[in-house]
C-alpha atoms as a PDB file:
ATOM      1  CA  UNK A   1      -1.675  10.965  -6.278  1.00  0.00           C
ATOM      2  CA  UNK A   2      -3.444   7.206  -6.519  1.00  0.00           C
ATOM      3  CA  UNK A   3      -3.240   6.658 -10.363  1.00  0.00           C
ATOM      4  CA  UNK A   4       0.678   7.581  -9.391  1.00  0.00           C
ATOM      5  CA  UNK A   5       1.512   5.421  -6.061  1.00  0.00           C
ATOM      6  CA  UNK A   6      -0.395   2.174  -7.820  1.00  0.00           C
ATOM      7  CA  UNK A   7       2.454   3.210 -11.701  1.00  0.00           C
ATOM      8  CA  UNK A   8       4.965   2.449  -8.950  1.00  0.00           C
ATOM      9  CA  UNK A   9       3.639  -0.191  -6.978  1.00  0.00           C
ATOM     10  CA  UNK A  10       3.090  -1.708 -10.643  1.00  0.00           C
ATOM     11  CA  UNK A  11       6.759  -1.044 -11.247  1.00  0.00           C
ATOM     12  CA  UNK A  12       8.916  -1.793  -8.335  1.00  0.00           C
ATOM     13  CA  UNK A  13       7.307  -5.215  -7.722  1.00  0.00           C
ATOM     14  CA  UNK A  14       9.775  -7.386  -8.358  1.00  0.00           C
ATOM     15  CA  UNK A  15      11.870  -6.648  -5.783  1.00  0.00           C
ATOM     16  CA  UNK A  16      10.011  -7.413  -2.699  1.00  0.00           C
ATOM     17  CA  UNK A  17      11.755  -5.299  -0.506  1.00  0.00           C
ATOM     18  CA  UNK A  18      11.319  -2.366  -3.359  1.00  0.00           C
ATOM     19  CA  UNK A  19       7.725  -2.787  -3.112  1.00  0.00           C
ATOM     20  CA  UNK A  20       7.181  -3.300   0.915  1.00  0.00           C
ATOM     21  CA  UNK A  21       9.307  -0.170   0.609  1.00  0.00           C
ATOM     22  CA  UNK A  22       6.739   2.085  -1.923  1.00  0.00           C
ATOM     23  CA  UNK A  23       3.529   0.735  -0.588  1.00  0.00           C
ATOM     24  CA  UNK A  24       4.975   1.798   2.649  1.00  0.00           C
ATOM     25  CA  UNK A  25       5.120   5.653   1.111  1.00  0.00           C
ATOM     26  CA  UNK A  26       2.419   4.980  -0.655  1.00  0.00           C
ATOM     27  CA  UNK A  27       0.399   4.729   2.787  1.00  0.00           C
ATOM     28  CA  UNK A  28       1.129   8.112   3.884  1.00  0.00           C
ATOM     29  CA  UNK A  29       0.352  10.091   0.807  1.00  0.00           C
ATOM     30  CA  UNK A  30      -3.180   9.089  -0.650  1.00  0.00           C
ATOM     31  CA  UNK A  31      -6.215  10.687   1.226  1.00  0.00           C
ATOM     32  CA  UNK A  32      -8.138   8.038   4.176  1.00  0.00           C
ATOM     33  CA  UNK A  33     -11.349   8.962   1.245  1.00  0.00           C
ATOM     34  CA  UNK A  34      -8.743   6.907  -0.521  1.00  0.00           C
ATOM     35  CA  UNK A  35      -7.758   3.902   1.273  1.00  0.00           C
ATOM     36  CA  UNK A  36     -10.363   1.105   1.022  1.00  0.00           C
ATOM     37  CA  UNK A  37     -10.121   1.009  -2.767  1.00  0.00           C
ATOM     38  CA  UNK A  38      -6.716   1.802  -2.405  1.00  0.00           C
ATOM     39  CA  UNK A  39      -6.461  -1.400  -0.318  1.00  0.00           C
ATOM     40  CA  UNK A  40      -8.560  -4.084  -2.246  1.00  0.00           C
ATOM     41  CA  UNK A  41      -6.295  -3.311  -5.998  1.00  0.00           C
ATOM     42  CA  UNK A  42      -2.918  -4.057  -3.414  1.00  0.00           C
ATOM     43  CA  UNK A  43      -5.585  -7.357  -2.997  1.00  0.00           C
ATOM     44  CA  UNK A  44      -6.462  -8.208  -6.720  1.00  0.00           C
ATOM     45  CA  UNK A  45      -2.244  -6.976  -8.025  1.00  0.00           C
ATOM     46  CA  UNK A  46      -0.565  -7.901  -5.665  1.00  0.00           C
ATOM     47  CA  UNK A  47      -2.427 -11.136  -3.361  1.00  0.00           C
ATOM     48  CA  UNK A  48      -0.478 -13.875  -4.596  1.00  0.00           C
ATOM     49  CA  UNK A  49       3.489 -12.773  -4.013  1.00  0.00           C
ATOM     50  CA  UNK A  50       3.066 -10.192  -1.717  1.00  0.00           C
ATOM     51  CA  UNK A  51       0.892 -11.388   0.598  1.00  0.00           C
ATOM     52  CA  UNK A  52       2.142 -11.840   4.030  1.00  0.00           C
ATOM     53  CA  UNK A  53       4.036  -8.508   3.075  1.00  0.00           C
ATOM     54  CA  UNK A  54       0.671  -6.404   2.488  1.00  0.00           C
ATOM     55  CA  UNK A  55      -1.258  -7.547   5.488  1.00  0.00           C
ATOM     56  CA  UNK A  56       1.631  -6.966   7.890  1.00  0.00           C
ATOM     57  CA  UNK A  57       2.200  -2.754   6.120  1.00  0.00           C
ATOM     58  CA  UNK A  58      -2.584  -2.851   6.496  1.00  0.00           C
ATOM     59  CA  UNK A  59      -1.764  -4.410   9.415  1.00  0.00           C
ATOM     60  CA  UNK A  60       0.932  -2.005  11.269  1.00  0.00           C
ATOM     61  CA  UNK A  61      -1.048   0.942   8.944  1.00  0.00           C
ATOM     62  CA  UNK A  62      -4.929   0.309  10.846  1.00  0.00           C
ATOM     63  CA  UNK A  63      -2.824   0.386  14.111  1.00  0.00           C
ATOM     64  CA  UNK A  64      -0.798   3.846  13.780  1.00  0.00           C
ATOM     65  CA  UNK A  65      -2.676   6.540  15.705  1.00  0.00           C
ATOM     66  CA  UNK A  66      -4.352   8.729  13.489  1.00  0.00           C
ATOM     67  CA  UNK A  67      -3.398  12.677  13.139  1.00  0.00           C
ATOM     68  CA  UNK A  68      -5.800  14.938  14.043  1.00  0.00           C
ATOM     69  CA  UNK A  69      -7.225  17.547  11.774  1.00  0.00           C
END
């Protein structure tokens, strides 16, 4: 799944709105143990273009209550 969401983000990176939408979807789809690597990859690839978007989305994601397994 991680490779899939990376591919999608690369394809929509031309549009800030699409990028943010797909980033939010990606965070719902990836496994929790994949999150650190995914976050690092996002910042490496997109920080120059979308640093504010990344910070906003990852901050909001980290403050959401987690569902008990």
